Amino acid sequence: MYCTVIKITGWGVAVKKKLENSLSMPPPSLLSGFRMEISGNREAVLEGCGGVLEYSEDSIRVRAGKMSVRFTGRNLKIKCLTADSLVVEGYLTGLEFLT
């Protein structure tokens, strides 16, 4: 069984609860073992990714298992990239799970 953990740090309790309640997560069968950690709205770490599909200052889309994940925002950049993980840095305004 695969598990995806999203850890939200840097925000107050009320904002964390609102974000946790509003996240629309895909079914576990689509997650395929990737792990994401979001630090405030400035950084996201994605482990278990399979490559960069789209890269611009406003949008970064990466393969994650059987789906893709799109980060949107301003001044986005890939701070670190390895064979199976990456760190997105910038002002994050959106996160989409695309099947």
PDB file of N, CA and C in Angstrom:
ATOM      1  N   MET A   1       0.839  -1.181   0.000  1.00  0.00           N
ATOM      2  CA  MET A   1       0.000   0.000   0.000  1.00  0.00           C
ATOM      3  C   MET A   1       0.883   1.242   0.000  1.00  0.00           C
ATOM      4  N   TYR A   2       0.504   2.241  -0.787  1.00  0.00           N
ATOM      5  CA  TYR A   2       1.247   3.479  -0.869  1.00  0.00           C
ATOM      6  C   TYR A   2       0.543   4.568  -0.087  1.00  0.00           C
ATOM      7  N   CYS A   3       1.309   5.486   0.422  1.00  0.00           N
ATOM      8  CA  CYS A   3       0.745   6.572   1.211  1.00  0.00           C
ATOM      9  C   CYS A   3       1.414   7.865   0.792  1.00  0.00           C
ATOM     10  N   THR A   4       0.644   8.906   0.630  1.00  0.00           N
ATOM     11  CA  THR A   4       1.180  10.225   0.339  1.00  0.00           C
ATOM     12  C   THR A   4       0.898  11.117   1.528  1.00  0.00           C
ATOM     13  N   VAL A   5       1.937  11.773   2.003  1.00  0.00           N
ATOM     14  CA  VAL A   5       1.811  12.648   3.161  1.00  0.00           C
ATOM     15  C   VAL A   5       2.062  14.068   2.717  1.00  0.00           C
ATOM     16  N   ILE A   6       1.152  14.960   3.035  1.00  0.00           N
ATOM     17  CA  ILE A   6       1.362  16.378   2.777  1.00  0.00           C
ATOM     18  C   ILE A   6       1.496  17.043   4.130  1.00  0.00           C
ATOM     19  N   LYS A   7       2.668  17.608   4.387  1.00  0.00           N
ATOM     20  CA  LYS A   7       2.929  18.274   5.650  1.00  0.00           C
ATOM     21  C   LYS A   7       2.912  19.774   5.396  1.00  0.00           C
ATOM     22  N   ILE A   8       2.088  20.483   6.132  1.00  0.00           N
ATOM     23  CA  ILE A   8       1.947  21.922   5.947  1.00  0.00           C
ATOM     24  C   ILE A   8       2.574  22.611   7.147  1.00  0.00           C
ATOM     25  N   THR A   9       3.600  23.438   6.863  1.00  0.00           N
ATOM     26  CA  THR A   9       4.274  24.152   7.942  1.00  0.00           C
ATOM     27  C   THR A   9       4.294  25.636   7.646  1.00  0.00           C
ATOM     28  N   GLY A  10       4.416  26.442   8.674  1.00  0.00           N
ATOM     29  CA  GLY A  10       4.590  27.872   8.473  1.00  0.00           C
ATOM     30  C   GLY A  10       3.306  28.683   8.471  1.00  0.00           C
ATOM     31  N   TRP A  11       2.159  28.051   8.668  1.00  0.00           N
ATOM     32  CA  TRP A  11       0.903  28.774   8.693  1.00  0.00           C
ATOM     33  C   TRP A  11       0.217  28.564  10.028  1.00  0.00           C
ATOM     34  N   GLY A  12      -0.723  29.427  10.366  1.00  0.00           N
ATOM     35  CA  GLY A  12      -1.499  29.284  11.596  1.00  0.00           C
ATOM     36  C   GLY A  12      -2.444  28.098  11.516  1.00  0.00           C
ATOM     37  N   VAL A  13      -2.948  27.670  12.657  1.00  0.00           N
ATOM     38  CA  VAL A  13      -3.802  26.491  12.754  1.00  0.00           C
ATOM     39  C   VAL A  13      -5.068  26.639  11.906  1.00  0.00           C
ATOM     40  N   ALA A  14      -5.706  27.795  11.928  1.00  0.00           N
ATOM     41  CA  ALA A  14      -6.947  27.995  11.171  1.00  0.00           C
ATOM     42  C   ALA A  14      -6.716  27.833   9.674  1.00  0.00           C
ATOM     43  N   VAL A  15      -5.619  28.377   9.162  1.00  0.00           N
ATOM     44  CA  VAL A  15      -5.315  28.266   7.737  1.00  0.00           C
ATOM     45  C   VAL A  15      -4.990  26.818   7.388  1.00  0.00           C
ATOM     46  N   LYS A  16      -4.247  26.127   8.246  1.00  0.00           N
ATOM     47  CA  LYS A  16      -3.925  24.720   8.005  1.00  0.00           C
ATOM     48  C   LYS A  16      -5.187  23.884   7.903  1.00  0.00           C
ATOM     49  N   LYS A  17      -6.119  24.079   8.842  1.00  0.00           N
ATOM     50  CA  LYS A  17      -7.361  23.312   8.837  1.00  0.00           C
ATOM     51  C   LYS A  17      -8.169  23.583   7.571  1.00  0.00           C
ATOM     52  N   LYS A  18      -8.265  24.838   7.170  1.00  0.00           N
ATOM     53  CA  LYS A  18      -9.022  25.195   5.973  1.00  0.00           C
ATOM     54  C   LYS A  18      -8.400  24.545   4.744  1.00  0.00           C
ATOM     55  N   LEU A  19      -7.069  24.581   4.630  1.00  0.00           N
ATOM     56  CA  LEU A  19      -6.379  23.987   3.498  1.00  0.00           C
ATOM     57  C   LEU A  19      -6.537  22.468   3.505  1.00  0.00           C
ATOM     58  N   GLU A  20      -6.365  21.846   4.655  1.00  0.00           N
ATOM     59  CA  GLU A  20      -6.512  20.398   4.754  1.00  0.00           C
ATOM     60  C   GLU A  20      -7.915  19.955   4.352  1.00  0.00           C
ATOM     61  N   ASN A  21      -8.928  20.710   4.747  1.00  0.00           N
ATOM     62  CA  ASN A  21     -10.309  20.370   4.421  1.00  0.00           C
ATOM     63  C   ASN A  21     -10.632  20.609   2.952  1.00  0.00           C
ATOM     64  N   SER A  22      -9.955  21.548   2.302  1.00  0.00           N
ATOM     65  CA  SER A  22     -10.281  21.882   0.922  1.00  0.00           C
ATOM     66  C   SER A  22      -9.468  21.096  -0.105  1.00  0.00           C
ATOM     67  N   LEU A  23      -8.401  20.407   0.318  1.00  0.00           N
ATOM     68  CA  LEU A  23      -7.604  19.630  -0.633  1.00  0.00           C
ATOM     69  C   LEU A  23      -8.431  18.477  -1.177  1.00  0.00           C
ATOM     70  N   SER A  24      -8.470  18.385  -2.470  1.00  0.00           N
ATOM     71  CA  SER A  24      -9.178  17.286  -3.114  1.00  0.00           C
ATOM     72  C   SER A  24      -8.123  16.297  -3.599  1.00  0.00           C
ATOM     73  N   MET A  25      -7.898  15.268  -2.814  1.00  0.00           N
ATOM     74  CA  MET A  25      -6.860  14.299  -3.131  1.00  0.00           C
ATOM     75  C   MET A  25      -7.402  13.220  -4.064  1.00  0.00           C
ATOM     76  N   PRO A  26      -6.579  12.747  -4.997  1.00  0.00           N
ATOM     77  CA  PRO A  26      -6.993  11.659  -5.881  1.00  0.00           C
ATOM     78  C   PRO A  26      -7.045  10.343  -5.121  1.00  0.00           C
ATOM     79  N   PRO A  27      -7.672   9.320  -5.703  1.00  0.00           N
ATOM     80  CA  PRO A  27      -7.722   8.012  -5.046  1.00  0.00           C
ATOM     81  C   PRO A  27      -6.313   7.471  -4.812  1.00  0.00           C
ATOM     82  N   PRO A  28      -6.110   6.692  -3.744  1.00  0.00           N
ATOM     83  CA  PRO A  28      -4.777   6.173  -3.429  1.00  0.00           C
ATOM     84  C   PRO A  28      -4.131   5.385  -4.561  1.00  0.00           C
ATOM     85  N   SER A  29      -4.920   4.738  -5.421  1.00  0.00           N
ATOM     86  CA  SER A  29      -4.346   3.954  -6.513  1.00  0.00           C
ATOM     87  C   SER A  29      -3.604   4.819  -7.520  1.00  0.00           C
ATOM     88  N   LEU A  30      -3.923   6.115  -7.590  1.00  0.00           N
ATOM     89  CA  LEU A  30      -3.242   7.008  -8.527  1.00  0.00           C
ATOM     90  C   LEU A  30      -1.976   7.622  -7.944  1.00  0.00           C
ATOM     91  N   LEU A  31      -1.814   7.587  -6.646  1.00  0.00           N
ATOM     92  CA  LEU A  31      -0.693   8.265  -6.006  1.00  0.00           C
ATOM     93  C   LEU A  31       0.629   7.549  -6.246  1.00  0.00           C
ATOM     94  N   SER A  32       0.623   6.242  -6.305  1.00  0.00           N
ATOM     95  CA  SER A  32       1.776   5.427  -6.670  1.00  0.00           C
ATOM     96  C   SER A  32       3.061   5.766  -5.936  1.00  0.00           C
ATOM     97  N   GLY A  33       2.972   6.052  -4.673  1.00  0.00           N
ATOM     98  CA  GLY A  33       4.168   6.138  -3.853  1.00  0.00           C
ATOM     99  C   GLY A  33       4.953   7.429  -3.861  1.00  0.00           C
ATOM    100  N   PHE A  34       4.439   8.514  -4.376  1.00  0.00           N
ATOM    101  CA  PHE A  34       5.201   9.754  -4.249  1.00  0.00           C
ATOM    102  C   PHE A  34       4.855  10.426  -2.930  1.00  0.00           C
ATOM    103  N   ARG A  35       5.753  11.265  -2.487  1.00  0.00           N
ATOM    104  CA  ARG A  35       5.575  11.963  -1.206  1.00  0.00           C
ATOM    105  C   ARG A  35       5.838  13.439  -1.431  1.00  0.00           C
ATOM    106  N   MET A  36       4.982  14.294  -0.835  1.00  0.00           N
ATOM    107  CA  MET A  36       5.134  15.735  -0.999  1.00  0.00           C
ATOM    108  C   MET A  36       5.134  16.408   0.362  1.00  0.00           C
ATOM    109  N   GLU A  37       6.009  17.393   0.502  1.00  0.00           N
ATOM    110  CA  GLU A  37       6.032  18.210   1.713  1.00  0.00           C
ATOM    111  C   GLU A  37       6.025  19.667   1.284  1.00  0.00           C
ATOM    112  N   ILE A  38       5.059  20.415   1.821  1.00  0.00           N
ATOM    113  CA  ILE A  38       4.921  21.823   1.472  1.00  0.00           C
ATOM    114  C   ILE A  38       5.266  22.661   2.689  1.00  0.00           C
ATOM    115  N   SER A  39       6.171  23.621   2.518  1.00  0.00           N
ATOM    116  CA  SER A  39       6.566  24.523   3.599  1.00  0.00           C
ATOM    117  C   SER A  39       6.000  25.901   3.305  1.00  0.00           C
ATOM    118  N   GLY A  40       4.901  26.223   3.987  1.00  0.00           N
ATOM    119  CA  GLY A  40       4.249  27.506   3.750  1.00  0.00           C
ATOM    120  C   GLY A  40       3.802  27.617   2.307  1.00  0.00           C
ATOM    121  N   ASN A  41       3.977  28.772   1.708  1.00  0.00           N
ATOM    122  CA  ASN A  41       3.665  28.943   0.291  1.00  0.00           C
ATOM    123  C   ASN A  41       4.919  29.278  -0.507  1.00  0.00           C
ATOM    124  N   ARG A  42       6.074  28.878   0.014  1.00  0.00           N
ATOM    125  CA  ARG A  42       7.347  29.220  -0.619  1.00  0.00           C
ATOM    126  C   ARG A  42       8.151  28.035  -1.143  1.00  0.00           C
ATOM    127  N   GLU A  43       7.844  26.816  -0.685  1.00  0.00           N
ATOM    128  CA  GLU A  43       8.660  25.676  -1.102  1.00  0.00           C
ATOM    129  C   GLU A  43       7.859  24.381  -1.040  1.00  0.00           C
ATOM    130  N   ALA A  44       8.092  23.509  -2.021  1.00  0.00           N
ATOM    131  CA  ALA A  44       7.480  22.182  -2.035  1.00  0.00           C
ATOM    132  C   ALA A  44       8.546  21.175  -2.426  1.00  0.00           C
ATOM    133  N   VAL A  45       8.591  20.068  -1.693  1.00  0.00           N
ATOM    134  CA  VAL A  45       9.520  18.980  -1.983  1.00  0.00           C
ATOM    135  C   VAL A  45       8.692  17.795  -2.450  1.00  0.00           C
ATOM    136  N   LEU A  46       9.023  17.261  -3.606  1.00  0.00           N
ATOM    137  CA  LEU A  46       8.320  16.110  -4.158  1.00  0.00           C
ATOM    138  C   LEU A  46       9.318  14.979  -4.343  1.00  0.00           C
ATOM    139  N   GLU A  47       9.091  13.883  -3.625  1.00  0.00           N
ATOM    140  CA  GLU A  47       9.944  12.696  -3.738  1.00  0.00           C
ATOM    141  C   GLU A  47       9.183  11.631  -4.507  1.00  0.00           C
ATOM    142  N   GLY A  48       9.863  10.940  -5.383  1.00  0.00           N
ATOM    143  CA  GLY A  48       9.226   9.899  -6.178  1.00  0.00           C
ATOM    144  C   GLY A  48       8.671  10.404  -7.491  1.00  0.00           C
ATOM    145  N   CYS A  49       9.188  11.514  -7.990  1.00  0.00           N
ATOM    146  CA  CYS A  49       8.698  12.043  -9.263  1.00  0.00           C
ATOM    147  C   CYS A  49       9.447  11.383 -10.420  1.00  0.00           C
ATOM    148  N   GLY A  50       8.825  11.430 -11.589  1.00  0.00           N
ATOM    149  CA  GLY A  50       9.395  10.751 -12.746  1.00  0.00           C
ATOM    150  C   GLY A  50       9.841  11.670 -13.857  1.00  0.00           C
ATOM    151  N   GLY A  51      10.020  12.941 -13.593  1.00  0.00           N
ATOM    152  CA  GLY A  51      10.511  13.850 -14.611  1.00  0.00           C
ATOM    153  C   GLY A  51       9.699  15.124 -14.715  1.00  0.00           C
ATOM    154  N   VAL A  52      10.316  16.133 -15.284  1.00  0.00           N
ATOM    155  CA  VAL A  52       9.686  17.442 -15.474  1.00  0.00           C
ATOM    156  C   VAL A  52       8.976  17.441 -16.823  1.00  0.00           C
ATOM    157  N   LEU A  53       7.694  17.781 -16.836  1.00  0.00           N
ATOM    158  CA  LEU A  53       6.895  17.814 -18.052  1.00  0.00           C
ATOM    159  C   LEU A  53       6.695  19.227 -18.589  1.00  0.00           C
ATOM    160  N   GLU A  54       6.688  20.205 -17.700  1.00  0.00           N
ATOM    161  CA  GLU A  54       6.454  21.602 -18.077  1.00  0.00           C
ATOM    162  C   GLU A  54       7.226  22.477 -17.093  1.00  0.00           C
ATOM    163  N   TYR A  55       7.875  23.512 -17.617  1.00  0.00           N
ATOM    164  CA  TYR A  55       8.660  24.368 -16.728  1.00  0.00           C
ATOM    165  C   TYR A  55       8.610  25.803 -17.224  1.00  0.00           C
ATOM    166  N   SER A  56       8.043  26.682 -16.404  1.00  0.00           N
ATOM    167  CA  SER A  56       8.061  28.111 -16.690  1.00  0.00           C
ATOM    168  C   SER A  56       8.082  28.841 -15.357  1.00  0.00           C
ATOM    169  N   GLU A  57       8.156  30.154 -15.419  1.00  0.00           N
ATOM    170  CA  GLU A  57       8.191  30.966 -14.205  1.00  0.00           C
ATOM    171  C   GLU A  57       6.858  30.922 -13.441  1.00  0.00           C
ATOM    172  N   ASP A  58       5.764  30.580 -14.157  1.00  0.00           N
ATOM    173  CA  ASP A  58       4.426  30.570 -13.562  1.00  0.00           C
ATOM    174  C   ASP A  58       3.865  29.173 -13.306  1.00  0.00           C
ATOM    175  N   SER A  59       4.474  28.139 -13.894  1.00  0.00           N
ATOM    176  CA  SER A  59       3.926  26.792 -13.777  1.00  0.00           C
ATOM    177  C   SER A  59       5.021  25.739 -13.912  1.00  0.00           C
ATOM    178  N   ILE A  60       4.999  24.757 -13.024  1.00  0.00           N
ATOM    179  CA  ILE A  60       5.901  23.613 -13.118  1.00  0.00           C
ATOM    180  C   ILE A  60       5.035  22.366 -12.986  1.00  0.00           C
ATOM    181  N   ARG A  61       5.115  21.473 -13.997  1.00  0.00           N
ATOM    182  CA  ARG A  61       4.348  20.235 -13.972  1.00  0.00           C
ATOM    183  C   ARG A  61       5.314  19.068 -14.032  1.00  0.00           C
ATOM    184  N   VAL A  62       5.133  18.101 -13.144  1.00  0.00           N
ATOM    185  CA  VAL A  62       6.028  16.948 -13.065  1.00  0.00           C
ATOM    186  C   VAL A  62       5.211  15.659 -13.046  1.00  0.00           C
ATOM    187  N   ARG A  63       5.841  14.589 -13.530  1.00  0.00           N
ATOM    188  CA  ARG A  63       5.215  13.268 -13.477  1.00  0.00           C
ATOM    189  C   ARG A  63       5.364  12.723 -12.074  1.00  0.00           C
ATOM    190  N   ALA A  64       4.283  12.170 -11.533  1.00  0.00           N
ATOM    191  CA  ALA A  64       4.288  11.580 -10.187  1.00  0.00           C
ATOM    192  C   ALA A  64       3.435  10.323 -10.238  1.00  0.00           C
ATOM    193  N   GLY A  65       4.074   9.192 -10.402  1.00  0.00           N
ATOM    194  CA  GLY A  65       3.343   7.943 -10.510  1.00  0.00           C
ATOM    195  C   GLY A  65       2.525   7.905 -11.780  1.00  0.00           C
ATOM    196  N   LYS A  66       1.236   7.579 -11.666  1.00  0.00           N
ATOM    197  CA  LYS A  66       0.341   7.470 -12.815  1.00  0.00           C
ATOM    198  C   LYS A  66      -0.338   8.790 -13.146  1.00  0.00           C
ATOM    199  N   MET A  67       0.111   9.862 -12.543  1.00  0.00           N
ATOM    200  CA  MET A  67      -0.511  11.158 -12.751  1.00  0.00           C
ATOM    201  C   MET A  67       0.574  12.223 -12.857  1.00  0.00           C
ATOM    202  N   SER A  68       0.161  13.468 -12.941  1.00  0.00           N
ATOM    203  CA  SER A  68       1.120  14.566 -12.881  1.00  0.00           C
ATOM    204  C   SER A  68       0.640  15.576 -11.843  1.00  0.00           C
ATOM    205  N   VAL A  69       1.602  16.344 -11.339  1.00  0.00           N
ATOM    206  CA  VAL A  69       1.321  17.365 -10.333  1.00  0.00           C
ATOM    207  C   VAL A  69       1.767  18.697 -10.920  1.00  0.00           C
ATOM    208  N   ARG A  70       0.883  19.704 -10.859  1.00  0.00           N
ATOM    209  CA  ARG A  70       1.219  21.041 -11.362  1.00  0.00           C
ATOM    210  C   ARG A  70       1.261  22.025 -10.202  1.00  0.00           C
ATOM    211  N   PHE A  71       2.391  22.725 -10.114  1.00  0.00           N
ATOM    212  CA  PHE A  71       2.549  23.816  -9.157  1.00  0.00           C
ATOM    213  C   PHE A  71       2.372  25.098  -9.941  1.00  0.00           C
ATOM    214  N   THR A  72       1.555  26.023  -9.448  1.00  0.00           N
ATOM    215  CA  THR A  72       1.406  27.317 -10.088  1.00  0.00           C
ATOM    216  C   THR A  72       1.762  28.408  -9.090  1.00  0.00           C
ATOM    217  N   GLY A  73       2.189  29.537  -9.614  1.00  0.00           N
ATOM    218  CA  GLY A  73       2.572  30.641  -8.746  1.00  0.00           C
ATOM    219  C   GLY A  73       3.377  31.676  -9.503  1.00  0.00           C
ATOM    220  N   ARG A  74       4.223  32.388  -8.768  1.00  0.00           N
ATOM    221  CA  ARG A  74       5.062  33.433  -9.351  1.00  0.00           C
ATOM    222  C   ARG A  74       6.521  33.154  -9.021  1.00  0.00           C
ATOM    223  N   ASN A  75       7.374  33.476  -9.955  1.00  0.00           N
ATOM    224  CA  ASN A  75       8.826  33.313  -9.790  1.00  0.00           C
ATOM    225  C   ASN A  75       9.201  31.903  -9.364  1.00  0.00           C
ATOM    226  N   LEU A  76       8.553  30.902  -9.970  1.00  0.00           N
ATOM    227  CA  LEU A  76       8.835  29.512  -9.625  1.00  0.00           C
ATOM    228  C   LEU A  76      10.141  29.067 -10.265  1.00  0.00           C
ATOM    229  N   LYS A  77      10.867  28.247  -9.539  1.00  0.00           N
ATOM    230  CA  LYS A  77      12.084  27.650 -10.082  1.00  0.00           C
ATOM    231  C   LYS A  77      12.302  26.303  -9.404  1.00  0.00           C
ATOM    232  N   ILE A  78      13.048  25.457 -10.083  1.00  0.00           N
ATOM    233  CA  ILE A  78      13.427  24.182  -9.500  1.00  0.00           C
ATOM    234  C   ILE A  78      14.757  24.407  -8.800  1.00  0.00           C
ATOM    235  N   LYS A  79      14.707  24.385  -7.487  1.00  0.00           N
ATOM    236  CA  LYS A  79      15.882  24.659  -6.667  1.00  0.00           C
ATOM    237  C   LYS A  79      16.853  23.481  -6.694  1.00  0.00           C
ATOM    238  N   CYS A  80      16.310  22.265  -6.708  1.00  0.00           N
ATOM    239  CA  CYS A  80      17.133  21.055  -6.680  1.00  0.00           C
ATOM    240  C   CYS A  80      16.407  19.973  -7.467  1.00  0.00           C
ATOM    241  N   LEU A  81      17.137  19.218  -8.291  1.00  0.00           N
ATOM    242  CA  LEU A  81      16.550  18.158  -9.085  1.00  0.00           C
ATOM    243  C   LEU A  81      17.474  16.955  -9.067  1.00  0.00           C
ATOM    244  N   THR A  82      16.930  15.796  -8.667  1.00  0.00           N
ATOM    245  CA  THR A  82      17.677  14.541  -8.713  1.00  0.00           C
ATOM    246  C   THR A  82      16.899  13.567  -9.593  1.00  0.00           C
ATOM    247  N   ALA A  83      17.360  12.335  -9.675  1.00  0.00           N
ATOM    248  CA  ALA A  83      16.713  11.335 -10.526  1.00  0.00           C
ATOM    249  C   ALA A  83      15.269  11.060 -10.123  1.00  0.00           C
ATOM    250  N   ASP A  84      14.927  11.215  -8.832  1.00  0.00           N
ATOM    251  CA  ASP A  84      13.563  10.903  -8.405  1.00  0.00           C
ATOM    252  C   ASP A  84      12.947  11.915  -7.446  1.00  0.00           C
ATOM    253  N   SER A  85      13.519  13.105  -7.341  1.00  0.00           N
ATOM    254  CA  SER A  85      12.929  14.124  -6.473  1.00  0.00           C
ATOM    255  C   SER A  85      13.264  15.519  -6.971  1.00  0.00           C
ATOM    256  N   LEU A  86      12.487  16.498  -6.501  1.00  0.00           N
ATOM    257  CA  LEU A  86      12.783  17.881  -6.831  1.00  0.00           C
ATOM    258  C   LEU A  86      12.241  18.801  -5.754  1.00  0.00           C
ATOM    259  N   VAL A  87      12.798  20.005  -5.724  1.00  0.00           N
ATOM    260  CA  VAL A  87      12.356  21.046  -4.808  1.00  0.00           C
ATOM    261  C   VAL A  87      11.924  22.235  -5.660  1.00  0.00           C
ATOM    262  N   VAL A  88      10.666  22.643  -5.494  1.00  0.00           N
ATOM    263  CA  VAL A  88      10.131  23.810  -6.194  1.00  0.00           C
ATOM    264  C   VAL A  88      10.140  24.968  -5.213  1.00  0.00           C
ATOM    265  N   GLU A  89      10.661  26.102  -5.677  1.00  0.00           N
ATOM    266  CA  GLU A  89      10.754  27.282  -4.826  1.00  0.00           C
ATOM    267  C   GLU A  89      10.136  28.465  -5.555  1.00  0.00           C
ATOM    268  N   GLY A  90       9.532  29.365  -4.806  1.00  0.00           N
ATOM    269  CA  GLY A  90       8.899  30.551  -5.353  1.00  0.00           C
ATOM    270  C   GLY A  90       7.672  30.887  -4.520  1.00  0.00           C
ATOM    271  N   TYR A  91       6.776  31.679  -5.098  1.00  0.00           N
ATOM    272  CA  TYR A  91       5.537  32.037  -4.421  1.00  0.00           C
ATOM    273  C   TYR A  91       4.446  31.116  -4.948  1.00  0.00           C
ATOM    274  N   LEU A  92       4.134  30.051  -4.207  1.00  0.00           N
ATOM    275  CA  LEU A  92       3.172  29.050  -4.639  1.00  0.00           C
ATOM    276  C   LEU A  92       1.744  29.534  -4.404  1.00  0.00           C
ATOM    277  N   THR A  93       0.927  29.485  -5.470  1.00  0.00           N
ATOM    278  CA  THR A  93      -0.473  29.882  -5.342  1.00  0.00           C
ATOM    279  C   THR A  93      -1.433  28.742  -5.640  1.00  0.00           C
ATOM    280  N   GLY A  94      -0.943  27.666  -6.254  1.00  0.00           N
ATOM    281  CA  GLY A  94      -1.836  26.567  -6.589  1.00  0.00           C
ATOM    282  C   GLY A  94      -1.106  25.241  -6.698  1.00  0.00           C
ATOM    283  N   LEU A  95      -1.881  24.174  -6.507  1.00  0.00           N
ATOM    284  CA  LEU A  95      -1.370  22.809  -6.609  1.00  0.00           C
ATOM    285  C   LEU A  95      -2.483  21.970  -7.216  1.00  0.00           C
ATOM    286  N   GLU A  96      -2.176  21.285  -8.336  1.00  0.00           N
ATOM    287  CA  GLU A  96      -3.178  20.477  -9.009  1.00  0.00           C
ATOM    288  C   GLU A  96      -2.667  19.059  -9.171  1.00  0.00           C
ATOM    289  N   PHE A  97      -3.554  18.077  -8.974  1.00  0.00           N
ATOM    290  CA  PHE A  97      -3.267  16.683  -9.236  1.00  0.00           C
ATOM    291  C   PHE A  97      -4.007  16.329 -10.516  1.00  0.00           C
ATOM    292  N   LEU A  98      -3.274  16.015 -11.578  1.00  0.00           N
ATOM    293  CA  LEU A  98      -3.860  15.775 -12.896  1.00  0.00           C
ATOM    294  C   LEU A  98      -3.741  14.304 -13.276  1.00  0.00           C
ATOM    295  N   THR A  99      -4.849  13.733 -13.723  1.00  0.00           N
ATOM    296  CA  THR A  99      -4.825  12.324 -14.131  1.00  0.00           C
ATOM    297  C   THR A  99      -4.782  12.202 -15.628  1.00  0.00           C
TER     298      THR A  99
END
